[in-house]
Amino acid sequence: MNEYYVAVFDSTHYALKFEKSVKDWGFNISIMPVPREITASCGISAKLEADEIENIMALAVKNDLKVSGYYHVEVQNGRKVYHKST
């Protein structure tokens, strides 16, 4: 995978609720520590597939899930480059 997204949260509760909802919707998700390149949040983040992100973001808004931010991650020459999504 050369690109993916990371969702970050203000609390562990929000992260776990997001994980359950995304799984219930049938999307792939992996919970992981927040990458050190990203500051803030509760320490837990969610790794999401790039081709699913628009649907996941729309469903998160529709279902009032609290996400403090999304980051687009690209792997370039073996290094990860993080871009804050709006």
PDB file of N, CA and C in Angstrom:
ATOM      1  N   MET A   1       0.853  -1.178   0.000  1.00  0.00           N
ATOM      2  CA  MET A   1       0.000   0.000   0.000  1.00  0.00           C
ATOM      3  C   MET A   1       0.896   1.237   0.000  1.00  0.00           C
ATOM      4  N   ASN A   2       0.787   2.077  -1.034  1.00  0.00           N
ATOM      5  CA  ASN A   2       1.607   3.280  -1.121  1.00  0.00           C
ATOM      6  C   ASN A   2       0.937   4.504  -0.536  1.00  0.00           C
ATOM      7  N   GLU A   3      -0.329   4.386  -0.230  1.00  0.00           N
ATOM      8  CA  GLU A   3      -1.022   5.490   0.421  1.00  0.00           C
ATOM      9  C   GLU A   3      -2.158   4.954   1.273  1.00  0.00           C
ATOM     10  N   TYR A   4      -2.469   5.705   2.330  1.00  0.00           N
ATOM     11  CA  TYR A   4      -3.583   5.374   3.210  1.00  0.00           C
ATOM     12  C   TYR A   4      -3.918   6.614   4.010  1.00  0.00           C
ATOM     13  N   TYR A   5      -4.907   6.540   4.864  1.00  0.00           N
ATOM     14  CA  TYR A   5      -5.297   7.662   5.715  1.00  0.00           C
ATOM     15  C   TYR A   5      -5.198   7.243   7.172  1.00  0.00           C
ATOM     16  N   VAL A   6      -4.966   8.234   8.017  1.00  0.00           N
ATOM     17  CA  VAL A   6      -4.959   8.042   9.458  1.00  0.00           C
ATOM     18  C   VAL A   6      -5.965   9.021  10.055  1.00  0.00           C
ATOM     19  N   ALA A   7      -6.879   8.509  10.850  1.00  0.00           N
ATOM     20  CA  ALA A   7      -7.834   9.342  11.581  1.00  0.00           C
ATOM     21  C   ALA A   7      -7.346   9.442  13.022  1.00  0.00           C
ATOM     22  N   VAL A   8      -7.400  10.654  13.586  1.00  0.00           N
ATOM     23  CA  VAL A   8      -6.981  10.859  14.973  1.00  0.00           C
ATOM     24  C   VAL A   8      -8.168  11.388  15.785  1.00  0.00           C
ATOM     25  N   PHE A   9      -8.105  11.185  17.089  1.00  0.00           N
ATOM     26  CA  PHE A   9      -9.240  11.442  17.965  1.00  0.00           C
ATOM     27  C   PHE A   9      -8.802  12.173  19.226  1.00  0.00           C
ATOM     28  N   ASP A  10      -9.769  12.839  19.868  1.00  0.00           N
ATOM     29  CA  ASP A  10      -9.490  13.544  21.119  1.00  0.00           C
ATOM     30  C   ASP A  10      -9.609  12.650  22.344  1.00  0.00           C
ATOM     31  N   SER A  11     -10.210  11.479  22.174  1.00  0.00           N
ATOM     32  CA  SER A  11     -10.322  10.564  23.313  1.00  0.00           C
ATOM     33  C   SER A  11     -10.343   9.118  22.829  1.00  0.00           C
ATOM     34  N   THR A  12      -9.967   8.225  23.706  1.00  0.00           N
ATOM     35  CA  THR A  12     -10.003   6.800  23.402  1.00  0.00           C
ATOM     36  C   THR A  12     -11.431   6.357  23.121  1.00  0.00           C
ATOM     37  N   HIS A  13     -12.376   6.907  23.856  1.00  0.00           N
ATOM     38  CA  HIS A  13     -13.790   6.570  23.644  1.00  0.00           C
ATOM     39  C   HIS A  13     -14.202   6.855  22.194  1.00  0.00           C
ATOM     40  N   TYR A  14     -13.852   8.037  21.680  1.00  0.00           N
ATOM     41  CA  TYR A  14     -14.196   8.392  20.296  1.00  0.00           C
ATOM     42  C   TYR A  14     -13.530   7.439  19.305  1.00  0.00           C
ATOM     43  N   ALA A  15     -12.280   7.069  19.577  1.00  0.00           N
ATOM     44  CA  ALA A  15     -11.546   6.166  18.684  1.00  0.00           C
ATOM     45  C   ALA A  15     -12.218   4.795  18.625  1.00  0.00           C
ATOM     46  N   LEU A  16     -12.600   4.267  19.764  1.00  0.00           N
ATOM     47  CA  LEU A  16     -13.216   2.938  19.809  1.00  0.00           C
ATOM     48  C   LEU A  16     -14.618   2.941  19.192  1.00  0.00           C
ATOM     49  N   LYS A  17     -15.369   4.027  19.404  1.00  0.00           N
ATOM     50  CA  LYS A  17     -16.692   4.149  18.783  1.00  0.00           C
ATOM     51  C   LYS A  17     -16.546   4.231  17.261  1.00  0.00           C
ATOM     52  N   PHE A  18     -15.552   4.995  16.781  1.00  0.00           N
ATOM     53  CA  PHE A  18     -15.282   5.110  15.343  1.00  0.00           C
ATOM     54  C   PHE A  18     -14.916   3.741  14.770  1.00  0.00           C
ATOM     55  N   GLU A  19     -14.028   3.017  15.455  1.00  0.00           N
ATOM     56  CA  GLU A  19     -13.610   1.697  14.976  1.00  0.00           C
ATOM     57  C   GLU A  19     -14.810   0.765  14.825  1.00  0.00           C
ATOM     58  N   LYS A  20     -15.658   0.697  15.839  1.00  0.00           N
ATOM     59  CA  LYS A  20     -16.822  -0.191  15.786  1.00  0.00           C
ATOM     60  C   LYS A  20     -17.738   0.196  14.634  1.00  0.00           C
ATOM     61  N   SER A  21     -17.998   1.482  14.472  1.00  0.00           N
ATOM     62  CA  SER A  21     -18.895   1.937  13.405  1.00  0.00           C
ATOM     63  C   SER A  21     -18.332   1.607  12.032  1.00  0.00           C
ATOM     64  N   VAL A  22     -17.051   1.877  11.814  1.00  0.00           N
ATOM     65  CA  VAL A  22     -16.432   1.623  10.509  1.00  0.00           C
ATOM     66  C   VAL A  22     -16.470   0.129  10.185  1.00  0.00           C
ATOM     67  N   LYS A  23     -16.194  -0.702  11.173  1.00  0.00           N
ATOM     68  CA  LYS A  23     -16.275  -2.160  10.960  1.00  0.00           C
ATOM     69  C   LYS A  23     -17.714  -2.575  10.653  1.00  0.00           C
ATOM     70  N   ASP A  24     -18.676  -2.011  11.396  1.00  0.00           N
ATOM     71  CA  ASP A  24     -20.083  -2.340  11.169  1.00  0.00           C
ATOM     72  C   ASP A  24     -20.525  -1.948   9.755  1.00  0.00           C
ATOM     73  N   TRP A  25     -19.948  -0.881   9.204  1.00  0.00           N
ATOM     74  CA  TRP A  25     -20.275  -0.432   7.846  1.00  0.00           C
ATOM     75  C   TRP A  25     -19.594  -1.302   6.788  1.00  0.00           C
ATOM     76  N   GLY A  26     -18.705  -2.196   7.196  1.00  0.00           N
ATOM     77  CA  GLY A  26     -18.067  -3.110   6.264  1.00  0.00           C
ATOM     78  C   GLY A  26     -16.748  -2.634   5.681  1.00  0.00           C
ATOM     79  N   PHE A  27     -16.174  -1.568   6.259  1.00  0.00           N
ATOM     80  CA  PHE A  27     -14.898  -1.048   5.770  1.00  0.00           C
ATOM     81  C   PHE A  27     -13.737  -1.640   6.562  1.00  0.00           C
ATOM     82  N   ASN A  28     -12.556  -1.604   5.966  1.00  0.00           N
ATOM     83  CA  ASN A  28     -11.339  -2.064   6.635  1.00  0.00           C
ATOM     84  C   ASN A  28     -10.801  -0.955   7.532  1.00  0.00           C
ATOM     85  N   ILE A  29     -10.354  -1.331   8.715  1.00  0.00           N
ATOM     86  CA  ILE A  29      -9.789  -0.370   9.669  1.00  0.00           C
ATOM     87  C   ILE A  29      -8.803  -1.104  10.563  1.00  0.00           C
ATOM     88  N   SER A  30      -7.735  -0.423  10.914  1.00  0.00           N
ATOM     89  CA  SER A  30      -6.766  -0.953  11.874  1.00  0.00           C
ATOM     90  C   SER A  30      -6.505   0.128  12.910  1.00  0.00           C
ATOM     91  N   ILE A  31      -6.611  -0.230  14.175  1.00  0.00           N
ATOM     92  CA  ILE A  31      -6.284   0.701  15.250  1.00  0.00           C
ATOM     93  C   ILE A  31      -4.787   0.598  15.504  1.00  0.00           C
ATOM     94  N   MET A  32      -4.147   1.761  15.683  1.00  0.00           N
ATOM     95  CA  MET A  32      -2.696   1.795  15.893  1.00  0.00           C
ATOM     96  C   MET A  32      -2.338   3.026  16.705  1.00  0.00           C
ATOM     97  N   PRO A  33      -1.133   3.070  17.264  1.00  0.00           N
ATOM     98  CA  PRO A  33      -0.694   4.288  17.950  1.00  0.00           C
ATOM     99  C   PRO A  33      -0.597   5.439  16.943  1.00  0.00           C
ATOM    100  N   VAL A  34      -0.814   6.649  17.425  1.00  0.00           N
ATOM    101  CA  VAL A  34      -0.680   7.816  16.551  1.00  0.00           C
ATOM    102  C   VAL A  34       0.785   7.932  16.121  1.00  0.00           C
ATOM    103  N   PRO A  35       1.042   8.060  14.826  1.00  0.00           N
ATOM    104  CA  PRO A  35       2.427   8.234  14.373  1.00  0.00           C
ATOM    105  C   PRO A  35       3.062   9.473  15.014  1.00  0.00           C
ATOM    106  N   ARG A  36       4.327   9.399  15.340  1.00  0.00           N
ATOM    107  CA  ARG A  36       4.975  10.510  16.042  1.00  0.00           C
ATOM    108  C   ARG A  36       5.032  11.787  15.209  1.00  0.00           C
ATOM    109  N   GLU A  37       4.874  11.658  13.887  1.00  0.00           N
ATOM    110  CA  GLU A  37       4.857  12.836  13.022  1.00  0.00           C
ATOM    111  C   GLU A  37       3.574  13.657  13.187  1.00  0.00           C
ATOM    112  N   ILE A  38       2.569  13.048  13.779  1.00  0.00           N
ATOM    113  CA  ILE A  38       1.291  13.728  14.012  1.00  0.00           C
ATOM    114  C   ILE A  38       1.204  14.064  15.494  1.00  0.00           C
ATOM    115  N   THR A  39       1.039  15.326  15.799  1.00  0.00           N
ATOM    116  CA  THR A  39       0.902  15.727  17.203  1.00  0.00           C
ATOM    117  C   THR A  39      -0.573  15.797  17.561  1.00  0.00           C
ATOM    118  N   ALA A  40      -0.843  15.775  18.826  1.00  0.00           N
ATOM    119  CA  ALA A  40      -2.198  15.878  19.376  1.00  0.00           C
ATOM    120  C   ALA A  40      -2.852  14.516  19.491  1.00  0.00           C
ATOM    121  N   SER A  41      -4.076  14.516  19.865  1.00  0.00           N
ATOM    122  CA  SER A  41      -4.970  13.369  20.014  1.00  0.00           C
ATOM    123  C   SER A  41      -4.689  12.562  21.273  1.00  0.00           C
ATOM    124  N   CYS A  42      -5.438  11.468  21.389  1.00  0.00           N
ATOM    125  CA  CYS A  42      -5.398  10.653  22.605  1.00  0.00           C
ATOM    126  C   CYS A  42      -4.330   9.571  22.561  1.00  0.00           C
ATOM    127  N   GLY A  43      -3.629   9.433  21.457  1.00  0.00           N
ATOM    128  CA  GLY A  43      -2.615   8.397  21.350  1.00  0.00           C
ATOM    129  C   GLY A  43      -3.035   7.215  20.500  1.00  0.00           C
ATOM    130  N   ILE A  44      -4.342   7.128  20.197  1.00  0.00           N
ATOM    131  CA  ILE A  44      -4.850   6.049  19.355  1.00  0.00           C
ATOM    132  C   ILE A  44      -5.307   6.655  18.033  1.00  0.00           C
ATOM    133  N   SER A  45      -4.955   5.997  16.938  1.00  0.00           N
ATOM    134  CA  SER A  45      -5.417   6.437  15.630  1.00  0.00           C
ATOM    135  C   SER A  45      -5.972   5.246  14.866  1.00  0.00           C
ATOM    136  N   ALA A  46      -6.616   5.534  13.745  1.00  0.00           N
ATOM    137  CA  ALA A  46      -7.185   4.490  12.897  1.00  0.00           C
ATOM    138  C   ALA A  46      -6.574   4.594  11.507  1.00  0.00           C
ATOM    139  N   LYS A  47      -6.099   3.483  10.996  1.00  0.00           N
ATOM    140  CA  LYS A  47      -5.551   3.415   9.649  1.00  0.00           C
ATOM    141  C   LYS A  47      -6.657   2.972   8.707  1.00  0.00           C
ATOM    142  N   LEU A  48      -6.867   3.774   7.633  1.00  0.00           N
ATOM    143  CA  LEU A  48      -7.969   3.539   6.711  1.00  0.00           C
ATOM    144  C   LEU A  48      -7.456   3.462   5.281  1.00  0.00           C
ATOM    145  N   GLU A  49      -8.126   2.683   4.451  1.00  0.00           N
ATOM    146  CA  GLU A  49      -7.707   2.547   3.068  1.00  0.00           C
ATOM    147  C   GLU A  49      -8.097   3.794   2.271  1.00  0.00           C
ATOM    148  N   ALA A  50      -7.198   4.226   1.391  1.00  0.00           N
ATOM    149  CA  ALA A  50      -7.399   5.458   0.626  1.00  0.00           C
ATOM    150  C   ALA A  50      -8.656   5.409  -0.235  1.00  0.00           C
ATOM    151  N   ASP A  51      -8.953   4.261  -0.829  1.00  0.00           N
ATOM    152  CA  ASP A  51     -10.114   4.192  -1.729  1.00  0.00           C
ATOM    153  C   ASP A  51     -11.448   4.147  -0.980  1.00  0.00           C
ATOM    154  N   GLU A  52     -11.418   4.070   0.343  1.00  0.00           N
ATOM    155  CA  GLU A  52     -12.646   4.041   1.146  1.00  0.00           C
ATOM    156  C   GLU A  52     -12.862   5.337   1.930  1.00  0.00           C
ATOM    157  N   ILE A  53     -11.872   6.240   1.917  1.00  0.00           N
ATOM    158  CA  ILE A  53     -11.887   7.380   2.842  1.00  0.00           C
ATOM    159  C   ILE A  53     -13.079   8.310   2.651  1.00  0.00           C
ATOM    160  N   GLU A  54     -13.455   8.611   1.412  1.00  0.00           N
ATOM    161  CA  GLU A  54     -14.565   9.547   1.202  1.00  0.00           C
ATOM    162  C   GLU A  54     -15.859   9.011   1.793  1.00  0.00           C
ATOM    163  N   ASN A  55     -16.132   7.731   1.586  1.00  0.00           N
ATOM    164  CA  ASN A  55     -17.346   7.131   2.156  1.00  0.00           C
ATOM    165  C   ASN A  55     -17.283   7.100   3.676  1.00  0.00           C
ATOM    166  N   ILE A  56     -16.129   6.769   4.224  1.00  0.00           N
ATOM    167  CA  ILE A  56     -15.983   6.717   5.678  1.00  0.00           C
ATOM    168  C   ILE A  56     -16.169   8.110   6.281  1.00  0.00           C
ATOM    169  N   MET A  57     -15.546   9.124   5.672  1.00  0.00           N
ATOM    170  CA  MET A  57     -15.687  10.491   6.193  1.00  0.00           C
ATOM    171  C   MET A  57     -17.142  10.946   6.143  1.00  0.00           C
ATOM    172  N   ALA A  58     -17.840  10.657   5.060  1.00  0.00           N
ATOM    173  CA  ALA A  58     -19.249  11.048   4.936  1.00  0.00           C
ATOM    174  C   ALA A  58     -20.109  10.355   5.989  1.00  0.00           C
ATOM    175  N   LEU A  59     -19.892   9.062   6.184  1.00  0.00           N
ATOM    176  CA  LEU A  59     -20.654   8.326   7.197  1.00  0.00           C
ATOM    177  C   LEU A  59     -20.325   8.804   8.605  1.00  0.00           C
ATOM    178  N   ALA A  60     -19.068   9.169   8.856  1.00  0.00           N
ATOM    179  CA  ALA A  60     -18.681   9.672  10.174  1.00  0.00           C
ATOM    180  C   ALA A  60     -19.414  10.976  10.486  1.00  0.00           C
ATOM    181  N   VAL A  61     -19.515  11.854   9.489  1.00  0.00           N
ATOM    182  CA  VAL A  61     -20.241  13.114   9.684  1.00  0.00           C
ATOM    183  C   VAL A  61     -21.727  12.836   9.902  1.00  0.00           C
ATOM    184  N   LYS A  62     -22.289  11.993   9.049  1.00  0.00           N
ATOM    185  CA  LYS A  62     -23.715  11.671   9.126  1.00  0.00           C
ATOM    186  C   LYS A  62     -24.080  11.064  10.475  1.00  0.00           C
ATOM    187  N   ASN A  63     -23.170  10.275  11.041  1.00  0.00           N
ATOM    188  CA  ASN A  63     -23.429   9.589  12.312  1.00  0.00           C
ATOM    189  C   ASN A  63     -22.831  10.307  13.517  1.00  0.00           C
ATOM    190  N   ASP A  64     -22.379  11.542  13.308  1.00  0.00           N
ATOM    191  CA  ASP A  64     -21.862  12.404  14.380  1.00  0.00           C
ATOM    192  C   ASP A  64     -20.723  11.759  15.163  1.00  0.00           C
ATOM    193  N   LEU A  65     -19.817  11.080  14.446  1.00  0.00           N
ATOM    194  CA  LEU A  65     -18.633  10.528  15.100  1.00  0.00           C
ATOM    195  C   LEU A  65     -17.602  11.640  15.252  1.00  0.00           C
ATOM    196  N   LYS A  66     -16.953  11.696  16.387  1.00  0.00           N
ATOM    197  CA  LYS A  66     -16.007  12.771  16.697  1.00  0.00           C
ATOM    198  C   LYS A  66     -14.591  12.396  16.255  1.00  0.00           C
ATOM    199  N   VAL A  67     -14.175  12.959  15.132  1.00  0.00           N
ATOM    200  CA  VAL A  67     -12.818  12.749  14.614  1.00  0.00           C
ATOM    201  C   VAL A  67     -12.124  14.101  14.642  1.00  0.00           C
ATOM    202  N   SER A  68     -10.944  14.170  15.275  1.00  0.00           N
ATOM    203  CA  SER A  68     -10.274  15.464  15.355  1.00  0.00           C
ATOM    204  C   SER A  68      -9.511  15.799  14.079  1.00  0.00           C
ATOM    205  N   GLY A  69      -9.211  14.790  13.239  1.00  0.00           N
ATOM    206  CA  GLY A  69      -8.567  15.073  11.969  1.00  0.00           C
ATOM    207  C   GLY A  69      -8.231  13.821  11.195  1.00  0.00           C
ATOM    208  N   TYR A  70      -8.029  14.018   9.904  1.00  0.00           N
ATOM    209  CA  TYR A  70      -7.602  12.942   9.007  1.00  0.00           C
ATOM    210  C   TYR A  70      -6.283  13.359   8.368  1.00  0.00           C
ATOM    211  N   TYR A  71      -5.396  12.409   8.179  1.00  0.00           N
ATOM    212  CA  TYR A  71      -4.110  12.654   7.517  1.00  0.00           C
ATOM    213  C   TYR A  71      -3.950  11.680   6.364  1.00  0.00           C
ATOM    214  N   HIS A  72      -3.595  12.228   5.211  1.00  0.00           N
ATOM    215  CA  HIS A  72      -3.287  11.405   4.040  1.00  0.00           C
ATOM    216  C   HIS A  72      -1.812  11.042   4.145  1.00  0.00           C
ATOM    217  N   VAL A  73      -1.511   9.768   4.069  1.00  0.00           N
ATOM    218  CA  VAL A  73      -0.131   9.297   4.209  1.00  0.00           C
ATOM    219  C   VAL A  73       0.298   8.693   2.881  1.00  0.00           C
ATOM    220  N   GLU A  74       1.411   9.186   2.356  1.00  0.00           N
ATOM    221  CA  GLU A  74       1.995   8.646   1.134  1.00  0.00           C
ATOM    222  C   GLU A  74       3.383   8.112   1.456  1.00  0.00           C
ATOM    223  N   VAL A  75       3.676   6.947   0.917  1.00  0.00           N
ATOM    224  CA  VAL A  75       5.007   6.374   1.095  1.00  0.00           C
ATOM    225  C   VAL A  75       5.812   6.721  -0.160  1.00  0.00           C
ATOM    226  N   GLN A  76       6.861   7.534   0.044  1.00  0.00           N
ATOM    227  CA  GLN A  76       7.699   8.004  -1.061  1.00  0.00           C
ATOM    228  C   GLN A  76       9.144   7.634  -0.767  1.00  0.00           C
ATOM    229  N   ASN A  77       9.721   6.815  -1.615  1.00  0.00           N
ATOM    230  CA  ASN A  77      11.117   6.370  -1.430  1.00  0.00           C
ATOM    231  C   ASN A  77      11.345   5.776  -0.045  1.00  0.00           C
ATOM    232  N   GLY A  78      10.382   4.998   0.417  1.00  0.00           N
ATOM    233  CA  GLY A  78      10.511   4.342   1.710  1.00  0.00           C
ATOM    234  C   GLY A  78      10.213   5.221   2.914  1.00  0.00           C
ATOM    235  N   ARG A  79       9.868   6.479   2.683  1.00  0.00           N
ATOM    236  CA  ARG A  79       9.540   7.405   3.783  1.00  0.00           C
ATOM    237  C   ARG A  79       8.066   7.764   3.736  1.00  0.00           C
ATOM    238  N   LYS A  80       7.467   7.937   4.888  1.00  0.00           N
ATOM    239  CA  LYS A  80       6.063   8.317   4.969  1.00  0.00           C
ATOM    240  C   LYS A  80       5.953   9.837   5.015  1.00  0.00           C
ATOM    241  N   VAL A  81       5.090  10.375   4.173  1.00  0.00           N
ATOM    242  CA  VAL A  81       4.835  11.813   4.130  1.00  0.00           C
ATOM    243  C   VAL A  81       3.380  12.018   4.537  1.00  0.00           C
ATOM    244  N   TYR A  82       3.155  12.880   5.544  1.00  0.00           N
ATOM    245  CA  TYR A  82       1.829  13.104   6.103  1.00  0.00           C
ATOM    246  C   TYR A  82       1.270  14.451   5.633  1.00  0.00           C
ATOM    247  N   HIS A  83       0.009  14.432   5.167  1.00  0.00           N
ATOM    248  CA  HIS A  83      -0.666  15.650   4.732  1.00  0.00           C
ATOM    249  C   HIS A  83      -1.988  15.733   5.475  1.00  0.00           C
ATOM    250  N   LYS A  84      -2.211  16.832   6.188  1.00  0.00           N
ATOM    251  CA  LYS A  84      -3.468  17.029   6.898  1.00  0.00           C
ATOM    252  C   LYS A  84      -4.581  17.219   5.876  1.00  0.00           C
ATOM    253  N   SER A  85      -5.680  16.497   6.027  1.00  0.00           N
ATOM    254  CA  SER A  85      -6.832  16.630   5.137  1.00  0.00           C
ATOM    255  C   SER A  85      -7.805  17.620   5.755  1.00  0.00           C
ATOM    256  N   THR A  86      -8.567  18.270   4.889  1.00  0.00           N
ATOM    257  CA  THR A  86      -9.549  19.230   5.400  1.00  0.00           C
ATOM    258  C   THR A  86     -10.946  18.724   5.207  1.00  0.00           C
TER     259      THR A  86
END
